Amino acid sequence: MSAINEKIEKESAEPAESRIASTWKEASNFPTKRILDYIGPTGLWLICFYLASIFMMIVLNIARIGFTGEAIFSAPTYFTQLFISYGLNAGKIEAPPPDILLELPAYLDVDYGLQKIDFANALTSGAWLFAPLVIYVLGLFLVILPGSGFPQPVGDFDYLTNFQYFHHFVPFLGFTVDPETNIMTTTGAFYFLIAWLPIILACLIGAFVTKRIFKEKKNRSISVLKLMVFNLAAGFIVGMQMGTITGEVNFRITGALKTIFTNSYDNTGYYSTGQ
């Protein structure tokens, strides 16, 4: 009797086991997308650029103050502050000192002095997230912008030329002056290391990784449309934060669309009361 019961239990257990195995096989073979499939080659390039940019900031900050924990963990904040507070945005005060007033022509009514200010905004407080955006926009801008992007000035200088200089120490950045034309040009590897090298590394590493991850994908190129959206978003975020340093900024999406599609002369989308 016990042998018959064992045979019945064995026969009843076999179909259940096969159903479980069958269900697991169907679930494991169900066509799903990996996270990398959603990211795609363009997203992979952006991730590589982000990591390479943060890495170069840490390297340059170590070169600036030495190999310390502060150099590593404060690098994104330092370079975000460095680029955003660059130029006139670094020296706004309510009234200029008396010695500066005496040096200025009487017809100039200005409210800027040499005082450097520190400020808190979304980009500096969230520097580990936004620092690559700031360097991507302002770093490349200063590379091609003539007459500015020079290292911290030494001694006294005219505050009207404040826009030409950084107001913190910048490693691997110098300048030369042409004795005939008196034109200043930047020297050193700073802009290459902070702005160009992360892009170059992102392209090389991104292409290498993409070729091995997306083996079955025919089109493994970067989307120009997605990069255009990234450029617009990065420029908008950085521009909005820079605009709030010296005044108030108002942005209206309906006004921006009206300006773009109807009349580009009247800007009804973006309005700033600052410099």
Protein backbone atom coordinates (compact mmCIF):
# COMPACT_ATOMS: atom_id res chain seq x y z
CA MET A 1 0.00 0.00 0.00
CA SER A 2 2.80 2.39 0.87
CA ALA A 3 4.52 1.58 -2.44
CA ILE A 4 1.38 2.55 -4.38
CA ASN A 5 1.12 5.86 -2.48
CA GLU A 6 4.75 6.67 -3.20
CA LYS A 7 4.21 5.96 -6.91
CA ILE A 8 1.13 8.26 -6.99
CA GLU A 9 3.00 11.07 -5.19
CA LYS A 10 5.94 10.72 -7.56
CA GLU A 11 3.69 10.87 -10.63
CA SER A 12 1.79 13.90 -9.27
CA ALA A 13 5.06 15.74 -8.43
CA GLU A 14 6.60 15.35 -11.86
CA PRO A 15 4.09 17.54 -13.79
CA ALA A 16 4.35 20.30 -11.12
CA GLU A 17 8.13 20.36 -11.45
CA SER A 18 7.96 20.55 -15.22
CA ARG A 19 5.44 23.41 -15.06
CA ILE A 20 7.76 25.41 -12.79
CA ALA A 21 10.69 24.76 -15.07
CA SER A 22 8.59 25.69 -18.09
CA THR A 23 7.40 28.91 -16.50
CA TRP A 24 10.95 29.90 -15.52
CA LYS A 25 12.18 29.16 -19.04
CA GLU A 26 9.48 31.36 -20.56
CA ALA A 27 10.22 34.19 -18.12
CA SER A 28 13.96 34.02 -18.72
CA ASN A 29 13.50 34.08 -22.49
CA PHE A 30 10.97 36.94 -22.47
CA PRO A 31 12.29 39.74 -24.75
CA THR A 32 13.13 42.62 -22.43
CA LYS A 33 15.46 45.59 -22.83
CA ARG A 34 18.53 46.09 -20.75
CA ILE A 35 19.12 49.41 -19.01
CA LEU A 36 21.93 50.06 -21.48
CA ASP A 37 19.45 49.64 -24.34
CA TYR A 38 17.43 52.53 -22.95
CA ILE A 39 20.57 54.64 -22.43
CA GLY A 40 21.89 53.94 -25.91
CA PRO A 41 25.18 55.13 -27.43
CA THR A 42 24.35 58.81 -26.81
CA GLY A 43 23.59 58.26 -23.14
CA LEU A 44 26.72 56.17 -22.80
CA TRP A 45 28.78 59.03 -24.27
CA LEU A 46 27.22 61.49 -21.80
CA ILE A 47 28.04 59.20 -18.88
CA CYS A 48 31.63 58.85 -20.10
CA PHE A 49 31.88 62.63 -20.46
CA TYR A 50 30.52 63.17 -16.95
CA LEU A 51 32.98 60.74 -15.38
CA ALA A 52 35.94 62.06 -17.41
CA SER A 53 35.06 65.66 -16.53
CA ILE A 54 34.82 64.92 -12.80
CA PHE A 55 38.09 62.98 -12.96
CA MET A 56 39.96 65.88 -14.62
CA MET A 57 38.58 68.32 -12.05
CA ILE A 58 39.94 66.13 -9.25
CA VAL A 59 43.33 65.83 -11.00
CA LEU A 60 43.61 69.60 -11.48
CA ASN A 61 42.48 70.32 -7.93
CA ILE A 62 45.12 67.91 -6.61
CA ALA A 63 47.69 69.78 -8.70
CA ARG A 64 46.42 73.00 -7.12
CA ILE A 65 46.45 72.14 -3.40
CA GLY A 66 48.04 68.69 -3.17
CA PHE A 67 46.73 65.16 -2.66
CA THR A 68 44.20 65.55 0.14
CA GLY A 69 40.61 64.64 0.81
CA GLU A 70 39.63 68.26 0.31
CA ALA A 71 41.23 68.28 -3.13
CA ILE A 72 39.17 65.26 -4.16
CA PHE A 73 35.77 66.03 -2.66
CA SER A 74 35.77 69.80 -3.21
CA ALA A 75 36.98 69.70 -6.82
CA PRO A 76 33.55 69.98 -8.54
CA THR A 77 32.47 72.80 -6.21
CA TYR A 78 35.73 74.70 -6.71
CA PHE A 79 35.63 74.61 -10.50
CA THR A 80 31.91 75.37 -10.64
CA GLN A 81 32.47 78.42 -8.44
CA LEU A 82 35.55 79.34 -10.47
CA PHE A 83 33.74 79.47 -13.80
CA ILE A 84 30.39 80.89 -12.70
CA SER A 85 31.90 83.66 -10.53
CA TYR A 86 34.26 84.55 -13.37
CA GLY A 87 34.36 88.15 -14.54
CA LEU A 88 31.97 90.88 -13.48
CA ASN A 89 29.83 88.37 -11.62
CA ALA A 90 32.62 88.07 -9.02
CA GLY A 91 32.82 91.71 -7.93
CA LYS A 92 29.37 93.21 -7.42
CA ILE A 93 28.96 95.47 -4.40
CA GLU A 94 26.35 98.11 -3.60
CA ALA A 95 28.78 101.06 -3.74
CA PRO A 96 32.38 101.27 -4.94
CA PRO A 97 35.15 102.18 -2.47
CA PRO A 98 36.12 105.88 -2.41
CA ASP A 99 39.55 105.29 -3.96
CA ILE A 100 37.93 103.66 -6.98
CA LEU A 101 35.41 106.48 -7.30
CA LEU A 102 38.23 109.03 -7.50
CA GLU A 103 39.87 107.13 -10.34
CA LEU A 104 36.72 106.91 -12.45
CA PRO A 105 35.48 109.58 -14.84
CA ALA A 106 32.63 111.64 -13.47
CA TYR A 107 30.19 110.47 -16.16
CA LEU A 108 30.48 106.82 -15.09
CA ASP A 109 27.87 105.86 -12.54
CA VAL A 110 28.90 102.34 -11.53
CA ASP A 111 28.27 100.12 -8.57
CA TYR A 112 31.04 97.57 -9.03
CA GLY A 113 34.22 97.26 -7.00
CA LEU A 114 37.02 94.76 -6.48
CA GLN A 115 35.24 92.85 -3.72
CA LYS A 116 34.91 89.17 -4.52
CA ILE A 117 31.71 87.55 -3.32
CA ASP A 118 30.79 83.96 -2.70
CA PHE A 119 27.25 82.95 -3.50
CA ALA A 120 25.06 79.92 -3.11
CA ASN A 121 23.00 78.61 -5.98
CA ALA A 122 21.79 75.32 -7.35
CA LEU A 123 24.86 74.70 -9.48
CA THR A 124 27.41 75.16 -6.71
CA SER A 125 25.41 73.32 -4.04
CA GLY A 126 24.82 70.45 -6.48
CA ALA A 127 28.26 70.69 -8.04
CA TRP A 128 28.85 66.92 -8.21
CA LEU A 129 25.88 66.77 -10.58
CA PHE A 130 26.13 70.08 -12.45
CA ALA A 131 29.90 70.78 -12.61
CA PRO A 132 30.38 68.97 -15.96
CA LEU A 133 27.56 71.09 -17.46
CA VAL A 134 29.22 74.30 -16.28
CA ILE A 135 32.62 73.31 -17.67
CA TYR A 136 31.03 72.08 -20.91
CA VAL A 137 29.34 75.43 -21.53
CA LEU A 138 31.71 78.01 -20.05
CA GLY A 139 34.97 76.12 -20.56
CA LEU A 140 34.51 75.83 -24.31
CA PHE A 141 33.21 79.39 -24.42
CA LEU A 142 36.36 80.79 -22.80
CA VAL A 143 38.57 78.76 -25.11
CA ILE A 144 37.35 80.68 -28.14
CA LEU A 145 36.59 84.02 -26.46
CA PRO A 146 39.42 86.50 -27.12
CA GLY A 147 40.60 88.99 -24.54
CA SER A 148 39.50 87.03 -21.48
CA GLY A 149 40.00 83.83 -19.54
CA PHE A 150 43.31 84.98 -18.07
CA PRO A 151 44.73 83.82 -14.71
CA GLN A 152 44.23 85.65 -11.42
CA PRO A 153 45.74 89.15 -11.68
CA VAL A 154 48.66 90.13 -9.46
CA GLY A 155 48.58 93.47 -7.65
CA ASP A 156 46.27 96.34 -8.50
CA PHE A 157 44.29 96.35 -11.72
CA ASP A 158 41.47 98.39 -13.19
CA TYR A 159 38.15 96.98 -12.12
CA LEU A 160 36.77 97.75 -15.59
CA THR A 161 38.95 94.91 -16.88
CA ASN A 162 37.51 92.57 -14.25
CA PHE A 163 35.89 90.47 -16.98
CA GLN A 164 39.31 89.40 -18.29
CA TYR A 165 40.45 87.45 -15.24
CA PHE A 166 39.62 84.53 -13.00
CA HIS A 167 39.54 85.48 -9.33
CA HIS A 168 40.96 82.23 -7.97
CA PHE A 169 44.21 80.48 -8.63
CA VAL A 170 44.05 78.35 -11.78
CA PRO A 171 46.66 75.59 -12.28
CA PHE A 172 48.50 75.29 -15.61
CA LEU A 173 47.20 78.65 -16.84
CA GLY A 174 49.39 81.57 -17.81
CA PHE A 175 49.48 84.43 -20.29
CA THR A 176 51.83 86.35 -22.52
CA VAL A 177 51.74 89.94 -23.76
CA ASP A 178 52.78 90.92 -27.25
CA PRO A 179 55.16 93.89 -26.77
CA GLU A 180 54.19 95.43 -30.11
CA THR A 181 50.41 95.18 -29.96
CA ASN A 182 50.05 94.84 -26.17
CA ILE A 183 47.57 91.99 -26.76
CA MET A 184 47.33 89.28 -24.10
CA THR A 185 47.02 85.60 -24.98
CA THR A 186 46.54 82.65 -22.67
CA THR A 187 49.17 79.93 -22.35
CA GLY A 188 49.37 76.58 -20.58
CA ALA A 189 47.34 73.40 -20.71
CA PHE A 190 44.47 74.35 -18.40
CA TYR A 191 41.72 74.70 -21.01
CA PHE A 192 42.82 71.58 -22.83
CA LEU A 193 42.77 69.54 -19.61
CA ILE A 194 39.51 70.91 -18.21
CA ALA A 195 37.44 71.42 -21.37
CA TRP A 196 38.79 69.45 -24.34
CA LEU A 197 40.31 66.34 -22.77
CA PRO A 198 37.04 65.11 -21.14
CA ILE A 199 35.33 65.32 -24.55
CA ILE A 200 38.19 63.45 -26.24
CA LEU A 201 38.22 60.76 -23.53
CA ALA A 202 34.44 60.42 -23.70
CA CYS A 203 34.59 59.87 -27.47
CA LEU A 204 37.37 57.28 -27.26
CA ILE A 205 36.04 55.37 -24.24
CA GLY A 206 32.42 55.67 -25.42
CA ALA A 207 33.26 54.28 -28.87
CA PHE A 208 35.28 51.41 -27.35
CA VAL A 209 32.55 50.44 -24.88
CA THR A 210 29.70 50.93 -27.36
CA LYS A 211 31.29 48.58 -29.87
CA ARG A 212 31.39 45.80 -27.28
CA ILE A 213 28.07 46.40 -25.51
CA PHE A 214 25.86 46.95 -28.55
CA LYS A 215 27.26 44.15 -30.70
CA GLU A 216 23.93 43.28 -32.30
CA LYS A 217 22.88 46.88 -32.93
CA LYS A 218 23.47 48.03 -36.49
CA ASN A 219 23.32 51.77 -35.80
CA ARG A 220 25.74 52.52 -32.97
CA SER A 221 26.24 56.19 -33.75
CA ILE A 222 25.46 59.11 -31.43
CA SER A 223 22.15 60.90 -31.99
CA VAL A 224 22.68 64.48 -33.16
CA LEU A 225 19.16 65.41 -32.04
CA LYS A 226 19.77 64.16 -28.49
CA LEU A 227 23.06 66.05 -28.32
CA MET A 228 21.30 69.20 -29.51
CA VAL A 229 18.74 68.82 -26.70
CA PHE A 230 21.61 68.30 -24.23
CA ASN A 231 23.37 71.45 -25.47
CA LEU A 232 20.19 73.51 -25.19
CA ALA A 233 19.45 72.20 -21.69
CA ALA A 234 23.03 72.74 -20.48
CA GLY A 235 23.17 76.28 -21.86
CA PHE A 236 19.76 77.13 -20.41
CA ILE A 237 20.61 75.82 -16.92
CA VAL A 238 23.98 77.56 -16.74
CA GLY A 239 22.62 80.79 -18.23
CA MET A 240 19.72 80.95 -15.79
CA GLN A 241 22.02 80.48 -12.80
CA MET A 242 24.51 83.09 -14.02
CA GLY A 243 21.68 85.55 -14.60
CA THR A 244 20.50 85.30 -10.98
CA ILE A 245 23.89 86.37 -9.59
CA THR A 246 23.52 90.07 -10.41
CA GLY A 247 19.76 90.41 -10.68
CA GLU A 248 16.40 88.71 -11.08
CA VAL A 249 15.57 86.42 -13.96
CA ASN A 250 12.13 85.73 -15.39
CA PHE A 251 11.47 83.03 -17.94
CA ARG A 252 8.16 82.31 -19.64
CA ILE A 253 7.88 79.35 -21.99
CA THR A 254 4.94 80.89 -23.87
CA GLY A 255 6.89 84.09 -24.39
CA ALA A 256 9.93 82.13 -25.57
CA LEU A 257 7.85 80.24 -28.14
CA LYS A 258 6.30 83.50 -29.30
CA THR A 259 9.77 85.03 -29.73
CA ILE A 260 11.05 82.02 -31.66
CA PHE A 261 8.13 81.57 -34.04
CA THR A 262 6.75 85.09 -34.49
CA ASN A 263 9.02 88.04 -33.70
CA SER A 264 12.66 87.49 -32.77
CA TYR A 265 13.25 91.22 -32.20
CA ASP A 266 11.17 91.43 -29.01
CA ASN A 267 12.36 88.97 -26.37
CA THR A 268 9.28 88.11 -24.33
CA GLY A 269 10.58 84.83 -22.94
CA TYR A 270 13.74 85.67 -21.01
CA TYR A 271 14.17 88.84 -19.00
CA SER A 272 17.04 89.67 -16.62
CA THR A 273 17.47 92.80 -14.50
CA GLY A 274 21.16 92.10 -13.85
CA GLN A 275 24.35 92.31 -15.85
